[in-house]
Amino acid sequence: MAMIDFNLDPGSGVAPYMQLIHQVRRALRLGLLQVGDQLPTVKQVVTRVAINPNTVAKAYRELEREGLVGAKPGLGTFVIKTLSDASLAAHGPLRSSLRRWLAEARQAGLDDESIEALFRDTLESSAEEDIA
């Protein structure tokens, strides 16, 4: 059974509860969390990332509203739907290719923020080309 390890970036400009939601969605999409896996308890998240318990509860409620997790009173919060699909098998080679690209980007002198900006810009312009 997988367990997600939350991390918060206070400088991201993204609300902490949304960071938790994004991390769960990402783990579901990548197959790191499966149906039946338990999310950390609110207390565990509070201890790990020094966050207000209400913030964690808000994130879990939103994930529950989306139908991704379900609370079992006295037991915890469990994944009830995954976001991964059959393309998950292709992730290994794609991940290797992406690691090589990241190494090239870093060798070219780009820092993580510049790499992310370049990636997002390319992703968005690619999506616009697909529409046109």
C-alpha atoms as a PDB file:
ATOM      1  CA  MET A   1       0.000   0.000   0.000  1.00  0.00           C
ATOM      2  CA  ALA A   2       1.447   3.351  -1.089  1.00  0.00           C
ATOM      3  CA  MET A   3       1.601   6.400   1.139  1.00  0.00           C
ATOM      4  CA  ILE A   4       1.978   9.921  -0.188  1.00  0.00           C
ATOM      5  CA  ASP A   5       4.545  12.205   1.414  1.00  0.00           C
ATOM      6  CA  PHE A   6       3.284  15.786   1.198  1.00  0.00           C
ATOM      7  CA  ASN A   7       5.606  18.748   0.741  1.00  0.00           C
ATOM      8  CA  LEU A   8       4.637  22.419   0.733  1.00  0.00           C
ATOM      9  CA  ASP A   9       6.338  25.259  -1.120  1.00  0.00           C
ATOM     10  CA  PRO A  10       5.518  28.496   0.735  1.00  0.00           C
ATOM     11  CA  GLY A  11       6.964  30.562  -2.121  1.00  0.00           C
ATOM     12  CA  SER A  12       4.860  28.983  -4.863  1.00  0.00           C
ATOM     13  CA  GLY A  13       1.939  31.386  -4.581  1.00  0.00           C
ATOM     14  CA  VAL A  14      -0.409  28.382  -4.497  1.00  0.00           C
ATOM     15  CA  ALA A  15      -2.618  27.978  -1.426  1.00  0.00           C
ATOM     16  CA  PRO A  16      -1.398  25.142   0.831  1.00  0.00           C
ATOM     17  CA  TYR A  17      -4.668  23.187   0.544  1.00  0.00           C
ATOM     18  CA  MET A  18      -4.402  23.366  -3.261  1.00  0.00           C
ATOM     19  CA  GLN A  19      -0.799  22.131  -3.104  1.00  0.00           C
ATOM     20  CA  LEU A  20      -2.033  19.070  -1.196  1.00  0.00           C
ATOM     21  CA  ILE A  21      -4.805  18.499  -3.751  1.00  0.00           C
ATOM     22  CA  HIS A  22      -2.372  18.844  -6.666  1.00  0.00           C
ATOM     23  CA  GLN A  23       0.027  16.358  -5.066  1.00  0.00           C
ATOM     24  CA  VAL A  24      -2.730  13.771  -4.586  1.00  0.00           C
ATOM     25  CA  ARG A  25      -3.974  14.253  -8.146  1.00  0.00           C
ATOM     26  CA  ARG A  26      -0.423  13.923  -9.494  1.00  0.00           C
ATOM     27  CA  ALA A  27       0.129  10.723  -7.501  1.00  0.00           C
ATOM     28  CA  LEU A  28      -3.184   9.342  -8.789  1.00  0.00           C
ATOM     29  CA  ARG A  29      -2.354  10.269 -12.378  1.00  0.00           C
ATOM     30  CA  LEU A  30       1.110   8.675 -12.193  1.00  0.00           C
ATOM     31  CA  GLY A  31      -0.196   5.529 -10.531  1.00  0.00           C
ATOM     32  CA  LEU A  32       1.717   6.205  -7.320  1.00  0.00           C
ATOM     33  CA  LEU A  33      -1.564   5.971  -5.403  1.00  0.00           C
ATOM     34  CA  GLN A  34      -4.052   3.227  -6.177  1.00  0.00           C
ATOM     35  CA  VAL A  35      -7.641   2.533  -5.216  1.00  0.00           C
ATOM     36  CA  GLY A  36      -7.638   1.377  -1.599  1.00  0.00           C
ATOM     37  CA  ASP A  37      -4.490   3.275  -0.586  1.00  0.00           C
ATOM     38  CA  GLN A  38      -4.835   5.386   2.528  1.00  0.00           C
ATOM     39  CA  LEU A  39      -3.922   9.056   2.667  1.00  0.00           C
ATOM     40  CA  PRO A  40      -1.980  10.187   5.730  1.00  0.00           C
ATOM     41  CA  THR A  41      -4.180  11.224   8.630  1.00  0.00           C
ATOM     42  CA  VAL A  42      -4.721  14.927   9.199  1.00  0.00           C
ATOM     43  CA  LYS A  43      -2.534  14.637  12.297  1.00  0.00           C
ATOM     44  CA  GLN A  44       0.280  13.006  10.295  1.00  0.00           C
ATOM     45  CA  VAL A  45       0.183  15.761   7.662  1.00  0.00           C
ATOM     46  CA  VAL A  46       0.094  18.489  10.333  1.00  0.00           C
ATOM     47  CA  THR A  47       3.149  16.957  12.024  1.00  0.00           C
ATOM     48  CA  ARG A  48       5.038  16.437   8.758  1.00  0.00           C
ATOM     49  CA  VAL A  49       4.529  19.816   7.069  1.00  0.00           C
ATOM     50  CA  ALA A  50       3.556  22.137   9.942  1.00  0.00           C
ATOM     51  CA  ILE A  51       0.171  23.122   8.539  1.00  0.00           C
ATOM     52  CA  ASN A  52      -3.176  23.990  10.096  1.00  0.00           C
ATOM     53  CA  PRO A  53      -5.398  20.901  10.492  1.00  0.00           C
ATOM     54  CA  ASN A  54      -8.314  22.796   8.928  1.00  0.00           C
ATOM     55  CA  THR A  55      -6.249  23.280   5.771  1.00  0.00           C
ATOM     56  CA  VAL A  56      -5.635  19.538   5.456  1.00  0.00           C
ATOM     57  CA  ALA A  57      -9.306  18.803   6.162  1.00  0.00           C
ATOM     58  CA  LYS A  58     -10.297  21.313   3.460  1.00  0.00           C
ATOM     59  CA  ALA A  59      -8.056  19.586   0.906  1.00  0.00           C
ATOM     60  CA  TYR A  60      -9.417  16.154   1.829  1.00  0.00           C
ATOM     61  CA  ARG A  61     -13.013  17.424   1.610  1.00  0.00           C
ATOM     62  CA  GLU A  62     -12.346  18.804  -1.870  1.00  0.00           C
ATOM     63  CA  LEU A  63     -10.788  15.504  -2.985  1.00  0.00           C
ATOM     64  CA  GLU A  64     -13.810  13.717  -1.551  1.00  0.00           C
ATOM     65  CA  ARG A  65     -16.173  16.097  -3.373  1.00  0.00           C
ATOM     66  CA  GLU A  66     -14.321  15.263  -6.604  1.00  0.00           C
ATOM     67  CA  GLY A  67     -14.934  11.566  -5.949  1.00  0.00           C
ATOM     68  CA  LEU A  68     -11.249  10.707  -5.666  1.00  0.00           C
ATOM     69  CA  VAL A  69     -11.147   9.766  -1.977  1.00  0.00           C
ATOM     70  CA  GLY A  70     -13.602   8.654   0.650  1.00  0.00           C
ATOM     71  CA  ALA A  71     -13.507   8.999   4.419  1.00  0.00           C
ATOM     72  CA  LYS A  72     -14.139   5.941   6.566  1.00  0.00           C
ATOM     73  CA  PRO A  73     -14.950   7.200  10.067  1.00  0.00           C
ATOM     74  CA  GLY A  74     -12.418   5.982  12.584  1.00  0.00           C
ATOM     75  CA  LEU A  75     -10.220   4.461   9.863  1.00  0.00           C
ATOM     76  CA  GLY A  76      -9.047   7.336   7.676  1.00  0.00           C
ATOM     77  CA  THR A  77      -9.287   8.626   4.131  1.00  0.00           C
ATOM     78  CA  PHE A  78      -8.854   6.193   1.259  1.00  0.00           C
ATOM     79  CA  VAL A  79      -8.426   6.465  -2.514  1.00  0.00           C
ATOM     80  CA  ILE A  80     -11.615   5.379  -4.273  1.00  0.00           C
ATOM     81  CA  LYS A  81     -10.756   6.433  -7.843  1.00  0.00           C
ATOM     82  CA  THR A  82      -7.541   6.631  -9.809  1.00  0.00           C
ATOM     83  CA  LEU A  83      -6.611   9.068 -12.562  1.00  0.00           C
ATOM     84  CA  SER A  84      -4.072   6.819 -14.291  1.00  0.00           C
ATOM     85  CA  ASP A  85      -4.913   5.052 -17.514  1.00  0.00           C
ATOM     86  CA  ALA A  86      -3.484   2.548 -19.975  1.00  0.00           C
ATOM     87  CA  SER A  87      -0.816   5.068 -21.021  1.00  0.00           C
ATOM     88  CA  LEU A  88       0.891   4.531 -17.652  1.00  0.00           C
ATOM     89  CA  ALA A  89       3.071   1.813 -19.229  1.00  0.00           C
ATOM     90  CA  ALA A  90       4.584   4.450 -21.523  1.00  0.00           C
ATOM     91  CA  HIS A  91       5.720   6.577 -18.589  1.00  0.00           C
ATOM     92  CA  GLY A  92       9.008   4.710 -18.052  1.00  0.00           C
ATOM     93  CA  PRO A  93      10.562   5.536 -21.439  1.00  0.00           C
ATOM     94  CA  LEU A  94       9.083   9.036 -21.384  1.00  0.00           C
ATOM     95  CA  ARG A  95      10.504   9.625 -17.909  1.00  0.00           C
ATOM     96  CA  SER A  96      13.962   8.507 -19.103  1.00  0.00           C
ATOM     97  CA  SER A  97      13.755  10.833 -22.074  1.00  0.00           C
ATOM     98  CA  LEU A  98      12.628  13.690 -19.849  1.00  0.00           C
ATOM     99  CA  ARG A  99      15.525  13.062 -17.432  1.00  0.00           C
ATOM    100  CA  ARG A 100      17.980  13.331 -20.340  1.00  0.00           C
ATOM    101  CA  TRP A 101      16.308  16.582 -21.451  1.00  0.00           C
ATOM    102  CA  LEU A 102      16.489  17.959 -17.897  1.00  0.00           C
ATOM    103  CA  ALA A 103      20.197  17.119 -17.716  1.00  0.00           C
ATOM    104  CA  GLU A 104      20.740  18.995 -21.004  1.00  0.00           C
ATOM    105  CA  ALA A 105      18.753  21.976 -19.732  1.00  0.00           C
ATOM    106  CA  ARG A 106      20.812  22.113 -16.534  1.00  0.00           C
ATOM    107  CA  GLN A 107      24.056  21.790 -18.525  1.00  0.00           C
ATOM    108  CA  ALA A 108      22.837  24.765 -20.560  1.00  0.00           C
ATOM    109  CA  GLY A 109      22.665  26.730 -17.298  1.00  0.00           C
ATOM    110  CA  LEU A 110      18.912  26.719 -16.656  1.00  0.00           C
ATOM    111  CA  ASP A 111      17.736  26.596 -13.044  1.00  0.00           C
ATOM    112  CA  ASP A 112      14.556  24.775 -11.982  1.00  0.00           C
ATOM    113  CA  GLU A 113      12.389  27.879 -12.302  1.00  0.00           C
ATOM    114  CA  SER A 114      13.658  28.560 -15.829  1.00  0.00           C
ATOM    115  CA  ILE A 115      13.174  24.912 -16.800  1.00  0.00           C
ATOM    116  CA  GLU A 116       9.600  24.989 -15.518  1.00  0.00           C
ATOM    117  CA  ALA A 117       8.893  28.262 -17.351  1.00  0.00           C
ATOM    118  CA  LEU A 118      10.294  26.841 -20.605  1.00  0.00           C
ATOM    119  CA  PHE A 119       8.311  23.622 -20.190  1.00  0.00           C
ATOM    120  CA  ARG A 120       5.039  25.424 -19.397  1.00  0.00           C
ATOM    121  CA  ASP A 121       5.482  27.841 -22.299  1.00  0.00           C
ATOM    122  CA  THR A 122       6.191  24.977 -24.694  1.00  0.00           C
ATOM    123  CA  LEU A 123       3.266  22.955 -23.350  1.00  0.00           C
ATOM    124  CA  GLU A 124       0.877  25.893 -23.706  1.00  0.00           C
ATOM    125  CA  SER A 125       2.060  26.833 -27.193  1.00  0.00           C
ATOM    126  CA  SER A 126       1.800  23.181 -28.240  1.00  0.00           C
ATOM    127  CA  ALA A 127      -1.793  23.057 -26.986  1.00  0.00           C
ATOM    128  CA  GLU A 128      -2.569  26.242 -28.932  1.00  0.00           C
ATOM    129  CA  GLU A 129      -1.101  24.699 -32.101  1.00  0.00           C
ATOM    130  CA  ASP A 130      -3.272  21.604 -31.603  1.00  0.00           C
ATOM    131  CA  ILE A 131      -6.357  23.826 -31.470  1.00  0.00           C
ATOM    132  CA  ALA A 132      -5.441  25.847 -34.563  1.00  0.00           C
END
